[in-house]
């Protein structure tokens, strides 16, 4: 359930992600502002405290763990056979 609009650059690679990092930032206590919009591209800034950054890091870690466990539950490991 990944929209093509939800692509995130991660260490130089584009990865489709269900994680809405701006929403996680807001929920963690960051202030997200829209700096400008050119065409379809939006430019936003995120401001907050170190405590908010710690909450954000924990939220990202939790979301990534959830996604990893969800993916592992549906994707068979290489070299294994599916039964059913």
PDB file of N, CA and C in Angstrom:
ATOM      1  N   UNK A   1       0.834  -1.174   0.000  1.00  0.00           N
ATOM      2  CA  UNK A   1       0.000   0.000   0.000  1.00  0.00           C
ATOM      3  C   UNK A   1       0.882   1.241   0.000  1.00  0.00           C
ATOM      4  N   UNK A   2       1.734   1.328  -0.982  1.00  0.00           N
ATOM      5  CA  UNK A   2       2.713   2.386  -1.063  1.00  0.00           C
ATOM      6  C   UNK A   2       2.405   3.279  -2.250  1.00  0.00           C
ATOM      7  N   UNK A   3       2.178   4.555  -2.015  1.00  0.00           N
ATOM      8  CA  UNK A   3       1.953   5.481  -3.111  1.00  0.00           C
ATOM      9  C   UNK A   3       3.280   5.895  -3.705  1.00  0.00           C
ATOM     10  N   UNK A   4       3.282   6.147  -5.017  1.00  0.00           N
ATOM     11  CA  UNK A   4       4.515   6.584  -5.655  1.00  0.00           C
ATOM     12  C   UNK A   4       4.942   7.944  -5.133  1.00  0.00           C
ATOM     13  N   UNK A   5       4.008   8.725  -4.564  1.00  0.00           N
ATOM     14  CA  UNK A   5       4.350  10.030  -4.006  1.00  0.00           C
ATOM     15  C   UNK A   5       5.110   9.901  -2.689  1.00  0.00           C
ATOM     16  N   UNK A   6       5.059   8.729  -2.059  1.00  0.00           N
ATOM     17  CA  UNK A   6       5.691   8.554  -0.758  1.00  0.00           C
ATOM     18  C   UNK A   6       7.067   7.925  -0.901  1.00  0.00           C
ATOM     19  N   UNK A   7       7.882   8.444  -1.800  1.00  0.00           N
ATOM     20  CA  UNK A   7       9.246   7.951  -1.941  1.00  0.00           C
ATOM     21  C   UNK A   7      10.146   8.807  -1.080  1.00  0.00           C
ATOM     22  N   UNK A   8      11.038   8.163  -0.389  1.00  0.00           N
ATOM     23  CA  UNK A   8      11.913   8.859   0.530  1.00  0.00           C
ATOM     24  C   UNK A   8      13.351   8.532   0.183  1.00  0.00           C
ATOM     25  N   UNK A   9      14.203   9.542   0.111  1.00  0.00           N
ATOM     26  CA  UNK A   9      15.622   9.300  -0.131  1.00  0.00           C
ATOM     27  C   UNK A   9      16.253   8.830   1.173  1.00  0.00           C
ATOM     28  N   UNK A  10      16.819   7.635   1.159  1.00  0.00           N
ATOM     29  CA  UNK A  10      17.455   7.079   2.340  1.00  0.00           C
ATOM     30  C   UNK A  10      18.872   6.686   1.963  1.00  0.00           C
ATOM     31  N   UNK A  11      19.842   7.394   2.496  1.00  0.00           N
ATOM     32  CA  UNK A  11      21.246   7.140   2.211  1.00  0.00           C
ATOM     33  C   UNK A  11      21.506   7.041   0.712  1.00  0.00           C
ATOM     34  N   UNK A  12      20.936   7.972  -0.062  1.00  0.00           N
ATOM     35  CA  UNK A  12      21.191   8.025  -1.492  1.00  0.00           C
ATOM     36  C   UNK A  12      20.331   7.088  -2.320  1.00  0.00           C
ATOM     37  N   UNK A  13      19.466   6.300  -1.693  1.00  0.00           N
ATOM     38  CA  UNK A  13      18.606   5.385  -2.435  1.00  0.00           C
ATOM     39  C   UNK A  13      17.163   5.802  -2.226  1.00  0.00           C
ATOM     40  N   UNK A  14      16.352   5.667  -3.275  1.00  0.00           N
ATOM     41  CA  UNK A  14      14.927   5.942  -3.109  1.00  0.00           C
ATOM     42  C   UNK A  14      14.248   4.670  -2.638  1.00  0.00           C
ATOM     43  N   UNK A  15      13.497   4.800  -1.576  1.00  0.00           N
ATOM     44  CA  UNK A  15      12.795   3.641  -1.035  1.00  0.00           C
ATOM     45  C   UNK A  15      11.338   4.009  -0.832  1.00  0.00           C
ATOM     46  N   UNK A  16      10.455   3.142  -1.284  1.00  0.00           N
ATOM     47  CA  UNK A  16       9.034   3.359  -1.077  1.00  0.00           C
ATOM     48  C   UNK A  16       8.752   3.087   0.395  1.00  0.00           C
ATOM     49  N   UNK A  17       8.071   3.989   1.038  1.00  0.00           N
ATOM     50  CA  UNK A  17       7.851   3.857   2.468  1.00  0.00           C
ATOM     51  C   UNK A  17       6.438   4.259   2.834  1.00  0.00           C
ATOM     52  N   UNK A  18       5.836   3.506   3.750  1.00  0.00           N
ATOM     53  CA  UNK A  18       4.529   3.875   4.272  1.00  0.00           C
ATOM     54  C   UNK A  18       4.675   4.899   5.389  1.00  0.00           C
ATOM     55  N   UNK A  19       5.891   5.114   5.823  1.00  0.00           N
ATOM     56  CA  UNK A  19       6.141   6.019   6.931  1.00  0.00           C
ATOM     57  C   UNK A  19       5.973   7.467   6.471  1.00  0.00           C
ATOM     58  N   UNK A  20       5.138   8.215   7.156  1.00  0.00           N
ATOM     59  CA  UNK A  20       4.960   9.633   6.864  1.00  0.00           C
ATOM     60  C   UNK A  20       5.840  10.392   7.851  1.00  0.00           C
ATOM     61  N   UNK A  21       7.066  10.724   7.424  1.00  0.00           N
ATOM     62  CA  UNK A  21       8.023  11.304   8.358  1.00  0.00           C
ATOM     63  C   UNK A  21       7.605  12.681   8.858  1.00  0.00           C
ATOM     64  N   UNK A  22       6.902  13.454   8.027  1.00  0.00           N
ATOM     65  CA  UNK A  22       6.449  14.762   8.503  1.00  0.00           C
ATOM     66  C   UNK A  22       5.395  14.611   9.597  1.00  0.00           C
ATOM     67  N   UNK A  23       4.509  13.645   9.445  1.00  0.00           N
ATOM     68  CA  UNK A  23       3.500  13.398  10.483  1.00  0.00           C
ATOM     69  C   UNK A  23       4.170  12.899  11.763  1.00  0.00           C
ATOM     70  N   UNK A  24       5.161  12.005  11.623  1.00  0.00           N
ATOM     71  CA  UNK A  24       5.899  11.541  12.797  1.00  0.00           C
ATOM     72  C   UNK A  24       6.614  12.707  13.481  1.00  0.00           C
ATOM     73  N   UNK A  25       7.168  13.616  12.683  1.00  0.00           N
ATOM     74  CA  UNK A  25       7.852  14.786  13.245  1.00  0.00           C
ATOM     75  C   UNK A  25       6.877  15.645  14.044  1.00  0.00           C
ATOM     76  N   UNK A  26       5.700  15.890  13.482  1.00  0.00           N
ATOM     77  CA  UNK A  26       4.685  16.689  14.192  1.00  0.00           C
ATOM     78  C   UNK A  26       4.272  16.010  15.492  1.00  0.00           C
ATOM     79  N   UNK A  27       4.028  14.703  15.426  1.00  0.00           N
ATOM     80  CA  UNK A  27       3.611  13.961  16.616  1.00  0.00           C
ATOM     81  C   UNK A  27       4.703  13.933  17.679  1.00  0.00           C
ATOM     82  N   UNK A  28       5.959  14.069  17.251  1.00  0.00           N
ATOM     83  CA  UNK A  28       7.089  14.054  18.180  1.00  0.00           C
ATOM     84  C   UNK A  28       7.339  15.410  18.818  1.00  0.00           C
ATOM     85  N   UNK A  29       6.657  16.445  18.325  1.00  0.00           N
ATOM     86  CA  UNK A  29       6.806  17.764  18.913  1.00  0.00           C
ATOM     87  C   UNK A  29       7.541  18.768  18.047  1.00  0.00           C
ATOM     88  N   UNK A  30       7.847  18.398  16.816  1.00  0.00           N
ATOM     89  CA  UNK A  30       8.492  19.337  15.899  1.00  0.00           C
ATOM     90  C   UNK A  30       7.466  20.298  15.312  1.00  0.00           C
ATOM     91  N   UNK A  31       7.942  21.461  14.924  1.00  0.00           N
ATOM     92  CA  UNK A  31       7.140  22.457  14.225  1.00  0.00           C
ATOM     93  C   UNK A  31       7.524  22.366  12.755  1.00  0.00           C
ATOM     94  N   UNK A  32       6.579  22.026  11.881  1.00  0.00           N
ATOM     95  CA  UNK A  32       6.834  21.853  10.448  1.00  0.00           C
ATOM     96  C   UNK A  32       6.219  23.032   9.708  1.00  0.00           C
ATOM     97  N   UNK A  33       7.043  23.730   8.927  1.00  0.00           N
ATOM     98  CA  UNK A  33       6.555  24.893   8.179  1.00  0.00           C
ATOM     99  C   UNK A  33       6.713  24.664   6.686  1.00  0.00           C
ATOM    100  N   UNK A  34       5.806  25.240   5.926  1.00  0.00           N
ATOM    101  CA  UNK A  34       5.904  25.220   4.470  1.00  0.00           C
ATOM    102  C   UNK A  34       6.650  26.481   4.063  1.00  0.00           C
ATOM    103  N   UNK A  35       7.858  26.308   3.526  1.00  0.00           N
ATOM    104  CA  UNK A  35       8.685  27.450   3.133  1.00  0.00           C
ATOM    105  C   UNK A  35       8.328  27.961   1.750  1.00  0.00           C
ATOM    106  N   UNK A  36       7.910  27.058   0.882  1.00  0.00           N
ATOM    107  CA  UNK A  36       7.563  27.470  -0.467  1.00  0.00           C
ATOM    108  C   UNK A  36       7.123  26.290  -1.300  1.00  0.00           C
ATOM    109  N   UNK A  37       6.555  26.600  -2.446  1.00  0.00           N
ATOM    110  CA  UNK A  37       6.091  25.562  -3.356  1.00  0.00           C
ATOM    111  C   UNK A  37       6.407  26.016  -4.773  1.00  0.00           C
ATOM    112  N   UNK A  38       7.127  25.171  -5.500  1.00  0.00           N
ATOM    113  CA  UNK A  38       7.459  25.444  -6.896  1.00  0.00           C
ATOM    114  C   UNK A  38       6.957  24.255  -7.704  1.00  0.00           C
ATOM    115  N   UNK A  39       5.954  24.495  -8.523  1.00  0.00           N
ATOM    116  CA  UNK A  39       5.349  23.391  -9.267  1.00  0.00           C
ATOM    117  C   UNK A  39       4.719  22.414  -8.299  1.00  0.00           C
ATOM    118  N   UNK A  40       5.095  21.145  -8.430  1.00  0.00           N
ATOM    119  CA  UNK A  40       4.569  20.107  -7.537  1.00  0.00           C
ATOM    120  C   UNK A  40       5.451  19.904  -6.308  1.00  0.00           C
ATOM    121  N   UNK A  41       6.616  20.525  -6.297  1.00  0.00           N
ATOM    122  CA  UNK A  41       7.578  20.337  -5.205  1.00  0.00           C
ATOM    123  C   UNK A  41       7.295  21.297  -4.051  1.00  0.00           C
ATOM    124  N   UNK A  42       7.246  20.744  -2.831  1.00  0.00           N
ATOM    125  CA  UNK A  42       7.059  21.569  -1.637  1.00  0.00           C
ATOM    126  C   UNK A  42       8.367  21.594  -0.854  1.00  0.00           C
ATOM    127  N   UNK A  43       8.702  22.745  -0.339  1.00  0.00           N
ATOM    128  CA  UNK A  43       9.903  22.910   0.471  1.00  0.00           C
ATOM    129  C   UNK A  43       9.467  23.221   1.894  1.00  0.00           C
ATOM    130  N   UNK A  44       9.848  22.331   2.822  1.00  0.00           N
ATOM    131  CA  UNK A  44       9.407  22.460   4.200  1.00  0.00           C
ATOM    132  C   UNK A  44      10.606  22.438   5.137  1.00  0.00           C
ATOM    133  N   UNK A  45      10.439  23.082   6.272  1.00  0.00           N
ATOM    134  CA  UNK A  45      11.459  23.074   7.319  1.00  0.00           C
ATOM    135  C   UNK A  45      10.874  22.446   8.572  1.00  0.00           C
ATOM    136  N   UNK A  46      11.751  21.826   9.346  1.00  0.00           N
ATOM    137  CA  UNK A  46      11.352  21.180  10.593  1.00  0.00           C
ATOM    138  C   UNK A  46      12.209  21.768  11.711  1.00  0.00           C
ATOM    139  N   UNK A  47      11.561  22.240  12.772  1.00  0.00           N
ATOM    140  CA  UNK A  47      12.261  22.865  13.894  1.00  0.00           C
ATOM    141  C   UNK A  47      11.791  22.220  15.188  1.00  0.00           C
ATOM    142  N   UNK A  48      12.717  22.031  16.104  1.00  0.00           N
ATOM    143  CA  UNK A  48      12.314  21.486  17.389  1.00  0.00           C
ATOM    144  C   UNK A  48      13.478  21.309  18.336  1.00  0.00           C
ATOM    145  N   UNK A  49      13.153  20.799  19.498  1.00  0.00           N
ATOM    146  CA  UNK A  49      14.144  20.599  20.557  1.00  0.00           C
ATOM    147  C   UNK A  49      14.854  19.258  20.392  1.00  0.00           C
ATOM    148  N   UNK A  50      15.921  19.087  21.162  1.00  0.00           N
ATOM    149  CA  UNK A  50      16.633  17.810  21.171  1.00  0.00           C
ATOM    150  C   UNK A  50      15.716  16.714  21.707  1.00  0.00           C
ATOM    151  N   UNK A  51      14.877  17.043  22.666  1.00  0.00           N
ATOM    152  CA  UNK A  51      13.917  16.069  23.200  1.00  0.00           C
ATOM    153  C   UNK A  51      12.957  15.612  22.106  1.00  0.00           C
ATOM    154  N   UNK A  52      12.490  16.547  21.282  1.00  0.00           N
ATOM    155  CA  UNK A  52      11.616  16.184  20.162  1.00  0.00           C
ATOM    156  C   UNK A  52      12.369  15.301  19.173  1.00  0.00           C
ATOM    157  N   UNK A  53      13.647  15.594  18.959  1.00  0.00           N
ATOM    158  CA  UNK A  53      14.471  14.774  18.064  1.00  0.00           C
ATOM    159  C   UNK A  53      14.600  13.353  18.601  1.00  0.00           C
ATOM    160  N   UNK A  54      14.775  13.215  19.900  1.00  0.00           N
ATOM    161  CA  UNK A  54      14.851  11.885  20.514  1.00  0.00           C
ATOM    162  C   UNK A  54      13.536  11.132  20.344  1.00  0.00           C
ATOM    163  N   UNK A  55      12.403  11.828  20.556  1.00  0.00           N
ATOM    164  CA  UNK A  55      11.092  11.182  20.360  1.00  0.00           C
ATOM    165  C   UNK A  55      10.912  10.774  18.904  1.00  0.00           C
ATOM    166  N   UNK A  56      11.350  11.637  17.981  1.00  0.00           N
ATOM    167  CA  UNK A  56      11.241  11.341  16.554  1.00  0.00           C
ATOM    168  C   UNK A  56      12.082  10.115  16.197  1.00  0.00           C
ATOM    169  N   UNK A  57      13.311  10.060  16.699  1.00  0.00           N
ATOM    170  CA  UNK A  57      14.186   8.912  16.418  1.00  0.00           C
ATOM    171  C   UNK A  57      13.548   7.616  16.913  1.00  0.00           C
ATOM    172  N   UNK A  58      12.966   7.648  18.092  1.00  0.00           N
ATOM    173  CA  UNK A  58      12.301   6.460  18.637  1.00  0.00           C
ATOM    174  C   UNK A  58      11.080   6.080  17.798  1.00  0.00           C
ATOM    175  N   UNK A  59      10.324   7.072  17.341  1.00  0.00           N
ATOM    176  CA  UNK A  59       9.147   6.798  16.505  1.00  0.00           C
ATOM    177  C   UNK A  59       9.557   6.180  15.171  1.00  0.00           C
ATOM    178  N   UNK A  60      10.633   6.690  14.575  1.00  0.00           N
ATOM    179  CA  UNK A  60      11.123   6.133  13.306  1.00  0.00           C
ATOM    180  C   UNK A  60      11.606   4.705  13.521  1.00  0.00           C
ATOM    181  N   UNK A  61      12.351   4.477  14.599  1.00  0.00           N
ATOM    182  CA  UNK A  61      12.852   3.134  14.904  1.00  0.00           C
ATOM    183  C   UNK A  61      11.686   2.159  15.106  1.00  0.00           C
ATOM    184  N   UNK A  62      10.672   2.575  15.845  1.00  0.00           N
ATOM    185  CA  UNK A  62       9.500   1.733  16.093  1.00  0.00           C
ATOM    186  C   UNK A  62       8.766   1.423  14.795  1.00  0.00           C
ATOM    187  N   UNK A  63       8.567   2.446  13.961  1.00  0.00           N
ATOM    188  CA  UNK A  63       7.873   2.265  12.681  1.00  0.00           C
ATOM    189  C   UNK A  63       8.663   1.339  11.758  1.00  0.00           C
ATOM    190  N   UNK A  64       9.984   1.506  11.721  1.00  0.00           N
ATOM    191  CA  UNK A  64      10.827   0.660  10.873  1.00  0.00           C
ATOM    192  C   UNK A  64      10.784  -0.790  11.349  1.00  0.00           C
ATOM    193  N   UNK A  65      10.835  -0.997  12.664  1.00  0.00           N
ATOM    194  CA  UNK A  65      10.737  -2.352  13.210  1.00  0.00           C
ATOM    195  C   UNK A  65       9.401  -2.981  12.850  1.00  0.00           C
ATOM    196  N   UNK A  66       8.335  -2.204  12.963  1.00  0.00           N
ATOM    197  CA  UNK A  66       7.001  -2.697  12.617  1.00  0.00           C
ATOM    198  C   UNK A  66       6.948  -3.105  11.144  1.00  0.00           C
ATOM    199  N   UNK A  67       7.466  -2.237  10.264  1.00  0.00           N
ATOM    200  CA  UNK A  67       7.468  -2.540   8.829  1.00  0.00           C
ATOM    201  C   UNK A  67       8.313  -3.767   8.527  1.00  0.00           C
ATOM    202  N   UNK A  68       9.462  -3.896   9.204  1.00  0.00           N
ATOM    203  CA  UNK A  68      10.347  -5.037   8.973  1.00  0.00           C
ATOM    204  C   UNK A  68       9.661  -6.331   9.395  1.00  0.00           C
ATOM    205  N   UNK A  69       9.013  -6.334  10.555  1.00  0.00           N
ATOM    206  CA  UNK A  69       8.321  -7.536  11.029  1.00  0.00           C
ATOM    207  C   UNK A  69       7.144  -7.880  10.126  1.00  0.00           C
ATOM    208  N   UNK A  70       6.434  -6.853   9.661  1.00  0.00           N
ATOM    209  CA  UNK A  70       5.304  -7.072   8.758  1.00  0.00           C
ATOM    210  C   UNK A  70       5.787  -7.672   7.445  1.00  0.00           C
ATOM    211  N   UNK A  71       6.896  -7.165   6.919  1.00  0.00           N
ATOM    212  CA  UNK A  71       7.450  -7.662   5.660  1.00  0.00           C
ATOM    213  C   UNK A  71       7.944  -9.095   5.831  1.00  0.00           C
ATOM    214  N   UNK A  72       8.601  -9.375   6.953  1.00  0.00           N
ATOM    215  CA  UNK A  72       9.122 -10.720   7.199  1.00  0.00           C
ATOM    216  C   UNK A  72       7.994 -11.736   7.318  1.00  0.00           C
ATOM    217  N   UNK A  73       6.854 -11.298   7.819  1.00  0.00           N
ATOM    218  CA  UNK A  73       5.729 -12.214   7.998  1.00  0.00           C
ATOM    219  C   UNK A  73       5.138 -12.642   6.662  1.00  0.00           C
ATOM    220  N   UNK A  74       5.268 -11.797   5.637  1.00  0.00           N
ATOM    221  CA  UNK A  74       4.672 -12.118   4.344  1.00  0.00           C
ATOM    222  C   UNK A  74       5.693 -12.576   3.320  1.00  0.00           C
ATOM    223  N   UNK A  75       6.938 -12.207   3.483  1.00  0.00           N
ATOM    224  CA  UNK A  75       7.960 -12.528   2.496  1.00  0.00           C
ATOM    225  C   UNK A  75       8.769 -13.727   2.961  1.00  0.00           C
ATOM    226  N   UNK A  76       8.748 -14.837   2.200  1.00  0.00           N
ATOM    227  CA  UNK A  76       9.554 -15.988   2.596  1.00  0.00           C
ATOM    228  C   UNK A  76      11.041 -15.667   2.443  1.00  0.00           C
ATOM    229  N   UNK A  77      11.845 -16.229   3.314  1.00  0.00           N
ATOM    230  CA  UNK A  77      13.283 -16.029   3.251  1.00  0.00           C
ATOM    231  C   UNK A  77      13.852 -16.815   2.067  1.00  0.00           C
ATOM    232  N   UNK A  78      14.932 -16.322   1.451  1.00  0.00           N
ATOM    233  CA  UNK A  78      15.545 -17.046   0.338  1.00  0.00           C
ATOM    234  C   UNK A  78      15.943 -18.454   0.770  1.00  0.00           C
ATOM    235  N   UNK A  79      15.718 -19.414  -0.096  1.00  0.00           N
ATOM    236  CA  UNK A  79      16.080 -20.793   0.188  1.00  0.00           C
ATOM    237  C   UNK A  79      15.020 -21.572   0.941  1.00  0.00           C
ATOM    238  N   UNK A  80      13.881 -20.937   1.240  1.00  0.00           N
ATOM    239  CA  UNK A  80      12.805 -21.653   1.923  1.00  0.00           C
ATOM    240  C   UNK A  80      11.677 -21.916   0.943  1.00  0.00           C
ATOM    241  N   UNK A  81      10.898 -22.925   1.251  1.00  0.00           N
ATOM    242  CA  UNK A  81       9.766 -23.255   0.393  1.00  0.00           C
ATOM    243  C   UNK A  81       8.482 -22.859   1.086  1.00  0.00           C
ATOM    244  N   UNK A  82       7.541 -22.401   0.269  1.00  0.00           N
ATOM    245  CA  UNK A  82       6.224 -22.083   0.810  1.00  0.00           C
ATOM    246  C   UNK A  82       5.368 -23.330   0.755  1.00  0.00           C
ATOM    247  N   UNK A  83       4.598 -23.541   1.795  1.00  0.00           N
ATOM    248  CA  UNK A  83       3.650 -24.653   1.790  1.00  0.00           C
ATOM    249  C   UNK A  83       2.257 -24.080   1.837  1.00  0.00           C
ATOM    250  N   UNK A  84       1.346 -24.781   1.314  1.00  0.00           N
ATOM    251  CA  UNK A  84      -0.002 -24.250   1.402  1.00  0.00           C
ATOM    252  C   UNK A  84      -0.778 -24.683   0.299  1.00  0.00           C
TER     253      UNK A  84
END
